Amino acid sequence: MREAISNVIQHARAKRLRVRLRVADAHLRLELTDDGDGRAGTSGHAGRGMHGMRERANELDGAIRWAPGTEGGTKVLLELPLPAAEDAR
């Protein structure tokens, strides 16, 4: 999440950033959507930051993807499995 927010600040020229977080089906789902220029994540190539985000998501058995934002900009979708109640103790 920190990397995604840093990317918005440094590269997107965004005025707004919406962060949504929810838990469903034993997964944490995080969605960050900015209203920036939309170039990050939609140009067909990933920079080092995006590559690092993908590696970290994979290390946590999660998945991350980028899509065009609802009203321009870029949307980052991260999904991570949550540990079972017994594992959390």
PDB file of N, CA and C in Angstrom:
ATOM      1  N   MET A   1       0.829  -1.181   0.000  1.00  0.00           N
ATOM      2  CA  MET A   1       0.000   0.000   0.000  1.00  0.00           C
ATOM      3  C   MET A   1       0.881   1.255   0.000  1.00  0.00           C
ATOM      4  N   ARG A   2       1.938   1.214   0.797  1.00  0.00           N
ATOM      5  CA  ARG A   2       2.843   2.373   0.862  1.00  0.00           C
ATOM      6  C   ARG A   2       3.451   2.661  -0.509  1.00  0.00           C
ATOM      7  N   GLU A   3       3.894   1.630  -1.201  1.00  0.00           N
ATOM      8  CA  GLU A   3       4.495   1.811  -2.529  1.00  0.00           C
ATOM      9  C   GLU A   3       3.479   2.381  -3.513  1.00  0.00           C
ATOM     10  N   ALA A   4       2.257   1.884  -3.473  1.00  0.00           N
ATOM     11  CA  ALA A   4       1.221   2.377  -4.382  1.00  0.00           C
ATOM     12  C   ALA A   4       0.929   3.857  -4.127  1.00  0.00           C
ATOM     13  N   ILE A   5       0.839   4.250  -2.865  1.00  0.00           N
ATOM     14  CA  ILE A   5       0.591   5.649  -2.539  1.00  0.00           C
ATOM     15  C   ILE A   5       1.779   6.515  -2.964  1.00  0.00           C
ATOM     16  N   SER A   6       2.992   6.036  -2.732  1.00  0.00           N
ATOM     17  CA  SER A   6       4.183   6.773  -3.175  1.00  0.00           C
ATOM     18  C   SER A   6       4.172   6.954  -4.684  1.00  0.00           C
ATOM     19  N   ASN A   7       3.772   5.927  -5.414  1.00  0.00           N
ATOM     20  CA  ASN A   7       3.715   6.027  -6.876  1.00  0.00           C
ATOM     21  C   ASN A   7       2.717   7.086  -7.315  1.00  0.00           C
ATOM     22  N   VAL A   8       1.581   7.149  -6.645  1.00  0.00           N
ATOM     23  CA  VAL A   8       0.591   8.177  -6.979  1.00  0.00           C
ATOM     24  C   VAL A   8       1.190   9.565  -6.753  1.00  0.00           C
ATOM     25  N   ILE A   9       1.815   9.765  -5.606  1.00  0.00           N
ATOM     26  CA  ILE A   9       2.391  11.071  -5.263  1.00  0.00           C
ATOM     27  C   ILE A   9       3.482  11.462  -6.256  1.00  0.00           C
ATOM     28  N   GLN A  10       4.357  10.509  -6.612  1.00  0.00           N
ATOM     29  CA  GLN A  10       5.515  10.824  -7.449  1.00  0.00           C
ATOM     30  C   GLN A  10       5.222  10.866  -8.942  1.00  0.00           C
ATOM     31  N   HIS A  11       4.254  10.075  -9.408  1.00  0.00           N
ATOM     32  CA  HIS A  11       4.125   9.903 -10.855  1.00  0.00           C
ATOM     33  C   HIS A  11       2.772  10.256 -11.459  1.00  0.00           C
ATOM     34  N   ALA A  12       1.694  10.211 -10.702  1.00  0.00           N
ATOM     35  CA  ALA A  12       0.357  10.256 -11.305  1.00  0.00           C
ATOM     36  C   ALA A  12      -0.192  11.654 -11.548  1.00  0.00           C
ATOM     37  N   ARG A  13       0.356  12.656 -10.878  1.00  0.00           N
ATOM     38  CA  ARG A  13      -0.210  14.009 -10.964  1.00  0.00           C
ATOM     39  C   ARG A  13      -1.683  14.007 -10.551  1.00  0.00           C
ATOM     40  N   ALA A  14      -1.989  13.217  -9.539  1.00  0.00           N
ATOM     41  CA  ALA A  14      -3.372  13.057  -9.077  1.00  0.00           C
ATOM     42  C   ALA A  14      -3.750  14.135  -8.078  1.00  0.00           C
ATOM     43  N   LYS A  15      -5.035  14.443  -8.053  1.00  0.00           N
ATOM     44  CA  LYS A  15      -5.574  15.352  -7.045  1.00  0.00           C
ATOM     45  C   LYS A  15      -6.266  14.569  -5.939  1.00  0.00           C
ATOM     46  N   ARG A  16      -6.731  13.361  -6.264  1.00  0.00           N
ATOM     47  CA  ARG A  16      -7.435  12.544  -5.276  1.00  0.00           C
ATOM     48  C   ARG A  16      -6.952  11.103  -5.350  1.00  0.00           C
ATOM     49  N   LEU A  17      -7.020  10.450  -4.194  1.00  0.00           N
ATOM     50  CA  LEU A  17      -6.709   9.024  -4.085  1.00  0.00           C
ATOM     51  C   LEU A  17      -7.750   8.406  -3.166  1.00  0.00           C
ATOM     52  N   ARG A  18      -8.449   7.416  -3.660  1.00  0.00           N
ATOM     53  CA  ARG A  18      -9.455   6.709  -2.862  1.00  0.00           C
ATOM     54  C   ARG A  18      -8.869   5.365  -2.443  1.00  0.00           C
ATOM     55  N   VAL A  19      -8.998   5.043  -1.162  1.00  0.00           N
ATOM     56  CA  VAL A  19      -8.518   3.768  -0.628  1.00  0.00           C
ATOM     57  C   VAL A  19      -9.713   3.010  -0.084  1.00  0.00           C
ATOM     58  N   ARG A  20      -9.895   1.808  -0.565  1.00  0.00           N
ATOM     59  CA  ARG A  20     -10.962   0.934  -0.072  1.00  0.00           C
ATOM     60  C   ARG A  20     -10.326  -0.338   0.456  1.00  0.00           C
ATOM     61  N   LEU A  21     -10.833  -0.789   1.577  1.00  0.00           N
ATOM     62  CA  LEU A  21     -10.312  -1.982   2.220  1.00  0.00           C
ATOM     63  C   LEU A  21     -11.508  -2.807   2.670  1.00  0.00           C
ATOM     64  N   ARG A  22     -11.466  -4.112   2.375  1.00  0.00           N
ATOM     65  CA  ARG A  22     -12.534  -4.982   2.861  1.00  0.00           C
ATOM     66  C   ARG A  22     -11.999  -6.385   3.072  1.00  0.00           C
ATOM     67  N   VAL A  23     -12.707  -7.110   3.893  1.00  0.00           N
ATOM     68  CA  VAL A  23     -12.388  -8.507   4.156  1.00  0.00           C
ATOM     69  C   VAL A  23     -13.567  -9.325   3.658  1.00  0.00           C
ATOM     70  N   ALA A  24     -13.267 -10.328   2.833  1.00  0.00           N
ATOM     71  CA  ALA A  24     -14.309 -11.209   2.307  1.00  0.00           C
ATOM     72  C   ALA A  24     -13.680 -12.543   1.947  1.00  0.00           C
ATOM     73  N   ASP A  25     -14.381 -13.608   2.244  1.00  0.00           N
ATOM     74  CA  ASP A  25     -13.924 -14.948   1.878  1.00  0.00           C
ATOM     75  C   ASP A  25     -12.498 -15.217   2.355  1.00  0.00           C
ATOM     76  N   ALA A  26     -12.191 -14.819   3.587  1.00  0.00           N
ATOM     77  CA  ALA A  26     -10.874 -15.036   4.198  1.00  0.00           C
ATOM     78  C   ALA A  26      -9.741 -14.358   3.420  1.00  0.00           C
ATOM     79  N   HIS A  27     -10.066 -13.258   2.743  1.00  0.00           N
ATOM     80  CA  HIS A  27      -9.069 -12.480   2.012  1.00  0.00           C
ATOM     81  C   HIS A  27      -9.197 -11.003   2.365  1.00  0.00           C
ATOM     82  N   LEU A  28      -8.065 -10.339   2.405  1.00  0.00           N
ATOM     83  CA  LEU A  28      -8.019  -8.899   2.541  1.00  0.00           C
ATOM     84  C   LEU A  28      -7.952  -8.333   1.134  1.00  0.00           C
ATOM     85  N   ARG A  29      -8.860  -7.429   0.817  1.00  0.00           N
ATOM     86  CA  ARG A  29      -8.883  -6.824  -0.518  1.00  0.00           C
ATOM     87  C   ARG A  29      -8.691  -5.328  -0.380  1.00  0.00           C
ATOM     88  N   LEU A  30      -7.661  -4.838  -1.046  1.00  0.00           N
ATOM     89  CA  LEU A  30      -7.301  -3.430  -0.991  1.00  0.00           C
ATOM     90  C   LEU A  30      -7.397  -2.860  -2.403  1.00  0.00           C
ATOM     91  N   GLU A  31      -8.056  -1.718  -2.505  1.00  0.00           N
ATOM     92  CA  GLU A  31      -8.206  -1.051  -3.798  1.00  0.00           C
ATOM     93  C   GLU A  31      -7.810   0.408  -3.632  1.00  0.00           C
ATOM     94  N   LEU A  32      -6.855   0.863  -4.430  1.00  0.00           N
ATOM     95  CA  LEU A  32      -6.442   2.263  -4.443  1.00  0.00           C
ATOM     96  C   LEU A  32      -6.716   2.801  -5.842  1.00  0.00           C
ATOM     97  N   THR A  33      -7.479   3.879  -5.920  1.00  0.00           N
ATOM     98  CA  THR A  33      -7.810   4.468  -7.213  1.00  0.00           C
ATOM     99  C   THR A  33      -7.464   5.949  -7.181  1.00  0.00           C
ATOM    100  N   ASP A  34      -6.681   6.393  -8.168  1.00  0.00           N
ATOM    101  CA  ASP A  34      -6.333   7.807  -8.253  1.00  0.00           C
ATOM    102  C   ASP A  34      -6.987   8.423  -9.478  1.00  0.00           C
ATOM    103  N   ASP A  35      -6.977   9.742  -9.529  1.00  0.00           N
ATOM    104  CA  ASP A  35      -7.543  10.458 -10.677  1.00  0.00           C
ATOM    105  C   ASP A  35      -6.441  11.119 -11.500  1.00  0.00           C
ATOM    106  N   GLY A  36      -5.265  10.516 -11.472  1.00  0.00           N
ATOM    107  CA  GLY A  36      -4.116  11.081 -12.176  1.00  0.00           C
ATOM    108  C   GLY A  36      -4.164  10.862 -13.672  1.00  0.00           C
ATOM    109  N   ASP A  37      -2.996  10.986 -14.303  1.00  0.00           N
ATOM    110  CA  ASP A  37      -2.940  10.915 -15.762  1.00  0.00           C
ATOM    111  C   ASP A  37      -3.055   9.496 -16.312  1.00  0.00           C
ATOM    112  N   GLY A  38      -3.001   8.486 -15.449  1.00  0.00           N
ATOM    113  CA  GLY A  38      -3.290   7.124 -15.879  1.00  0.00           C
ATOM    114  C   GLY A  38      -2.191   6.396 -16.599  1.00  0.00           C
ATOM    115  N   ARG A  39      -1.012   6.964 -16.682  1.00  0.00           N
ATOM    116  CA  ARG A  39       0.055   6.286 -17.419  1.00  0.00           C
ATOM    117  C   ARG A  39       0.625   5.111 -16.654  1.00  0.00           C
ATOM    118  N   ALA A  40       0.734   5.201 -15.348  1.00  0.00           N
ATOM    119  CA  ALA A  40       1.325   4.115 -14.554  1.00  0.00           C
ATOM    120  C   ALA A  40       0.445   2.887 -14.603  1.00  0.00           C
ATOM    121  N   GLY A  41       1.036   1.768 -14.958  1.00  0.00           N
ATOM    122  CA  GLY A  41       0.322   0.497 -14.953  1.00  0.00           C
ATOM    123  C   GLY A  41      -0.459   0.194 -16.201  1.00  0.00           C
ATOM    124  N   THR A  42      -0.637   1.181 -17.076  1.00  0.00           N
ATOM    125  CA  THR A  42      -1.430   0.934 -18.270  1.00  0.00           C
ATOM    126  C   THR A  42      -0.594   0.990 -19.540  1.00  0.00           C
ATOM    127  N   SER A  43       0.700   1.205 -19.401  1.00  0.00           N
ATOM    128  CA  SER A  43       1.551   1.370 -20.580  1.00  0.00           C
ATOM    129  C   SER A  43       2.107   0.055 -21.100  1.00  0.00           C
ATOM    130  N   GLY A  44       1.812  -1.057 -20.426  1.00  0.00           N
ATOM    131  CA  GLY A  44       2.286  -2.343 -20.907  1.00  0.00           C
ATOM    132  C   GLY A  44       3.607  -2.790 -20.327  1.00  0.00           C
ATOM    133  N   HIS A  45       4.269  -1.941 -19.552  1.00  0.00           N
ATOM    134  CA  HIS A  45       5.522  -2.357 -18.920  1.00  0.00           C
ATOM    135  C   HIS A  45       5.517  -1.910 -17.469  1.00  0.00           C
ATOM    136  N   ALA A  46       6.117  -2.713 -16.631  1.00  0.00           N
ATOM    137  CA  ALA A  46       6.156  -2.420 -15.207  1.00  0.00           C
ATOM    138  C   ALA A  46       7.507  -1.847 -14.830  1.00  0.00           C
ATOM    139  N   GLY A  47       7.482  -0.813 -14.024  1.00  0.00           N
ATOM    140  CA  GLY A  47       8.722  -0.250 -13.512  1.00  0.00           C
ATOM    141  C   GLY A  47       9.207  -1.066 -12.329  1.00  0.00           C
ATOM    142  N   ARG A  48      10.328  -0.632 -11.749  1.00  0.00           N
ATOM    143  CA  ARG A  48      10.890  -1.360 -10.599  1.00  0.00           C
ATOM    144  C   ARG A  48       9.929  -1.392  -9.428  1.00  0.00           C
ATOM    145  N   GLY A  49       9.235  -0.275  -9.169  1.00  0.00           N
ATOM    146  CA  GLY A  49       8.293  -0.232  -8.056  1.00  0.00           C
ATOM    147  C   GLY A  49       7.166  -1.234  -8.225  1.00  0.00           C
ATOM    148  N   MET A  50       6.631  -1.301  -9.425  1.00  0.00           N
ATOM    149  CA  MET A  50       5.544  -2.251  -9.693  1.00  0.00           C
ATOM    150  C   MET A  50       6.050  -3.685  -9.609  1.00  0.00           C
ATOM    151  N   HIS A  51       7.235  -3.906 -10.096  1.00  0.00           N
ATOM    152  CA  HIS A  51       7.827  -5.246 -10.025  1.00  0.00           C
ATOM    153  C   HIS A  51       8.001  -5.656  -8.557  1.00  0.00           C
ATOM    154  N   GLY A  52       8.505  -4.745  -7.736  1.00  0.00           N
ATOM    155  CA  GLY A  52       8.680  -5.022  -6.318  1.00  0.00           C
ATOM    156  C   GLY A  52       7.352  -5.289  -5.618  1.00  0.00           C
ATOM    157  N   MET A  53       6.321  -4.534  -5.990  1.00  0.00           N
ATOM    158  CA  MET A  53       4.997  -4.749  -5.402  1.00  0.00           C
ATOM    159  C   MET A  53       4.478  -6.143  -5.749  1.00  0.00           C
ATOM    160  N   ARG A  54       4.697  -6.551  -6.988  1.00  0.00           N
ATOM    161  CA  ARG A  54       4.256  -7.885  -7.409  1.00  0.00           C
ATOM    162  C   ARG A  54       5.022  -8.973  -6.645  1.00  0.00           C
ATOM    163  N   GLU A  55       6.314  -8.785  -6.472  1.00  0.00           N
ATOM    164  CA  GLU A  55       7.116  -9.764  -5.722  1.00  0.00           C
ATOM    165  C   GLU A  55       6.646  -9.878  -4.280  1.00  0.00           C
ATOM    166  N   ARG A  56       6.382  -8.732  -3.635  1.00  0.00           N
ATOM    167  CA  ARG A  56       5.935  -8.767  -2.240  1.00  0.00           C
ATOM    168  C   ARG A  56       4.565  -9.420  -2.117  1.00  0.00           C
ATOM    169  N   ALA A  57       3.677  -9.151  -3.050  1.00  0.00           N
ATOM    170  CA  ALA A  57       2.349  -9.792  -3.021  1.00  0.00           C
ATOM    171  C   ALA A  57       2.504 -11.307  -3.179  1.00  0.00           C
ATOM    172  N   ASN A  58       3.373 -11.730  -4.101  1.00  0.00           N
ATOM    173  CA  ASN A  58       3.604 -13.166  -4.309  1.00  0.00           C
ATOM    174  C   ASN A  58       4.177 -13.829  -3.059  1.00  0.00           C
ATOM    175  N   GLU A  59       5.088 -13.138  -2.365  1.00  0.00           N
ATOM    176  CA  GLU A  59       5.676 -13.689  -1.141  1.00  0.00           C
ATOM    177  C   GLU A  59       4.621 -13.936  -0.069  1.00  0.00           C
ATOM    178  N   LEU A  60       3.527 -13.188  -0.123  1.00  0.00           N
ATOM    179  CA  LEU A  60       2.440 -13.335   0.854  1.00  0.00           C
ATOM    180  C   LEU A  60       1.287 -14.167   0.296  1.00  0.00           C
ATOM    181  N   ASP A  61       1.560 -14.905  -0.796  1.00  0.00           N
ATOM    182  CA  ASP A  61       0.545 -15.720  -1.473  1.00  0.00           C
ATOM    183  C   ASP A  61      -0.628 -14.885  -1.964  1.00  0.00           C
ATOM    184  N   GLY A  62      -0.347 -13.646  -2.307  1.00  0.00           N
ATOM    185  CA  GLY A  62      -1.384 -12.744  -2.783  1.00  0.00           C
ATOM    186  C   GLY A  62      -1.232 -12.449  -4.260  1.00  0.00           C
ATOM    187  N   ALA A  63      -2.051 -11.520  -4.711  1.00  0.00           N
ATOM    188  CA  ALA A  63      -2.021 -11.108  -6.117  1.00  0.00           C
ATOM    189  C   ALA A  63      -2.257  -9.606  -6.185  1.00  0.00           C
ATOM    190  N   ILE A  64      -1.617  -8.970  -7.147  1.00  0.00           N
ATOM    191  CA  ILE A  64      -1.797  -7.540  -7.371  1.00  0.00           C
ATOM    192  C   ILE A  64      -1.952  -7.319  -8.861  1.00  0.00           C
ATOM    193  N   ARG A  65      -2.799  -6.359  -9.191  1.00  0.00           N
ATOM    194  CA  ARG A  65      -2.945  -6.004 -10.602  1.00  0.00           C
ATOM    195  C   ARG A  65      -3.290  -4.530 -10.711  1.00  0.00           C
ATOM    196  N   TRP A  66      -3.092  -4.000 -11.884  1.00  0.00           N
ATOM    197  CA  TRP A  66      -3.359  -2.605 -12.177  1.00  0.00           C
ATOM    198  C   TRP A  66      -4.385  -2.541 -13.283  1.00  0.00           C
ATOM    199  N   ALA A  67      -5.273  -1.577 -13.197  1.00  0.00           N
ATOM    200  CA  ALA A  67      -6.316  -1.400 -14.204  1.00  0.00           C
ATOM    201  C   ALA A  67      -6.576   0.092 -14.351  1.00  0.00           C
ATOM    202  N   PRO A  68      -7.198   0.478 -15.453  1.00  0.00           N
ATOM    203  CA  PRO A  68      -7.593   1.887 -15.576  1.00  0.00           C
ATOM    204  C   PRO A  68      -8.569   2.244 -14.453  1.00  0.00           C
ATOM    205  N   GLY A  69      -8.441   3.449 -13.918  1.00  0.00           N
ATOM    206  CA  GLY A  69      -9.345   3.912 -12.867  1.00  0.00           C
ATOM    207  C   GLY A  69     -10.752   4.125 -13.404  1.00  0.00           C
ATOM    208  N   THR A  70     -11.700   4.165 -12.506  1.00  0.00           N
ATOM    209  CA  THR A  70     -13.104   4.329 -12.872  1.00  0.00           C
ATOM    210  C   THR A  70     -13.353   5.647 -13.591  1.00  0.00           C
ATOM    211  N   GLU A  71     -12.687   6.706 -13.140  1.00  0.00           N
ATOM    212  CA  GLU A  71     -12.854   8.032 -13.748  1.00  0.00           C
ATOM    213  C   GLU A  71     -11.509   8.587 -14.183  1.00  0.00           C
ATOM    214  N   GLY A  72     -10.729   7.776 -14.888  1.00  0.00           N
ATOM    215  CA  GLY A  72      -9.379   8.150 -15.275  1.00  0.00           C
ATOM    216  C   GLY A  72      -8.404   7.660 -14.227  1.00  0.00           C
ATOM    217  N   GLY A  73      -7.143   7.935 -14.416  1.00  0.00           N
ATOM    218  CA  GLY A  73      -6.148   7.498 -13.448  1.00  0.00           C
ATOM    219  C   GLY A  73      -5.927   5.997 -13.478  1.00  0.00           C
ATOM    220  N   THR A  74      -5.458   5.471 -12.352  1.00  0.00           N
ATOM    221  CA  THR A  74      -5.085   4.064 -12.253  1.00  0.00           C
ATOM    222  C   THR A  74      -5.693   3.461 -11.000  1.00  0.00           C
ATOM    223  N   LYS A  75      -6.048   2.202 -11.089  1.00  0.00           N
ATOM    224  CA  LYS A  75      -6.565   1.454  -9.957  1.00  0.00           C
ATOM    225  C   LYS A  75      -5.592   0.327  -9.648  1.00  0.00           C
ATOM    226  N   VAL A  76      -5.203   0.197  -8.371  1.00  0.00           N
ATOM    227  CA  VAL A  76      -4.351  -0.894  -7.909  1.00  0.00           C
ATOM    228  C   VAL A  76      -5.227  -1.810  -7.062  1.00  0.00           C
ATOM    229  N   LEU A  77      -5.247  -3.091  -7.415  1.00  0.00           N
ATOM    230  CA  LEU A  77      -6.063  -4.077  -6.708  1.00  0.00           C
ATOM    231  C   LEU A  77      -5.137  -5.122  -6.104  1.00  0.00           C
ATOM    232  N   LEU A  78      -5.161  -5.217  -4.780  1.00  0.00           N
ATOM    233  CA  LEU A  78      -4.326  -6.157  -4.055  1.00  0.00           C
ATOM    234  C   LEU A  78      -5.216  -7.091  -3.254  1.00  0.00           C
ATOM    235  N   GLU A  79      -4.950  -8.377  -3.347  1.00  0.00           N
ATOM    236  CA  GLU A  79      -5.702  -9.371  -2.583  1.00  0.00           C
ATOM    237  C   GLU A  79      -4.725 -10.290  -1.874  1.00  0.00           C
ATOM    238  N   LEU A  80      -4.914 -10.425  -0.561  1.00  0.00           N
ATOM    239  CA  LEU A  80      -4.046 -11.268   0.266  1.00  0.00           C
ATOM    240  C   LEU A  80      -4.890 -12.219   1.101  1.00  0.00           C
ATOM    241  N   PRO A  81      -4.481 -13.479   1.191  1.00  0.00           N
ATOM    242  CA  PRO A  81      -5.203 -14.398   2.069  1.00  0.00           C
ATOM    243  C   PRO A  81      -4.942 -14.053   3.537  1.00  0.00           C
ATOM    244  N   LEU A  82      -5.965 -14.202   4.348  1.00  0.00           N
ATOM    245  CA  LEU A  82      -5.818 -13.975   5.782  1.00  0.00           C
ATOM    246  C   LEU A  82      -5.547 -15.302   6.476  1.00  0.00           C
ATOM    247  N   PRO A  83      -4.742 -15.279   7.534  1.00  0.00           N
ATOM    248  CA  PRO A  83      -4.481 -16.522   8.247  1.00  0.00           C
ATOM    249  C   PRO A  83      -5.752 -17.020   8.936  1.00  0.00           C
ATOM    250  N   ALA A  84      -5.855 -18.321   9.072  1.00  0.00           N
ATOM    251  CA  ALA A  84      -6.987 -18.902   9.796  1.00  0.00           C
ATOM    252  C   ALA A  84      -6.926 -18.452  11.245  1.00  0.00           C
ATOM    253  N   ALA A  85      -8.052 -18.480  11.938  1.00  0.00           N
ATOM    254  CA  ALA A  85      -8.126 -18.017  13.332  1.00  0.00           C
ATOM    255  C   ALA A  85      -7.099 -18.734  14.207  1.00  0.00           C
ATOM    256  N   GLU A  86      -6.890 -20.031  13.983  1.00  0.00           N
ATOM    257  CA  GLU A  86      -5.920 -20.771  14.785  1.00  0.00           C
ATOM    258  C   GLU A  86      -4.502 -20.285  14.525  1.00  0.00           C
ATOM    259  N   ASP A  87      -4.198 -19.894  13.274  1.00  0.00           N
ATOM    260  CA  ASP A  87      -2.868 -19.415  12.904  1.00  0.00           C
ATOM    261  C   ASP A  87      -2.576 -18.047  13.491  1.00  0.00           C
ATOM    262  N   ALA A  88      -3.609 -17.255  13.729  1.00  0.00           N
ATOM    263  CA  ALA A  88      -3.434 -15.871  14.186  1.00  0.00           C
ATOM    264  C   ALA A  88      -3.002 -15.798  15.652  1.00  0.00           C
ATOM    265  N   ARG A  89      -3.189 -16.861  16.396  1.00  0.00           N
ATOM    266  CA  ARG A  89      -2.844 -16.829  17.831  1.00  0.00           C
ATOM    267  C   ARG A  89      -1.394 -16.849  18.066  1.00  0.00           C
TER     268      ARG A  89
END
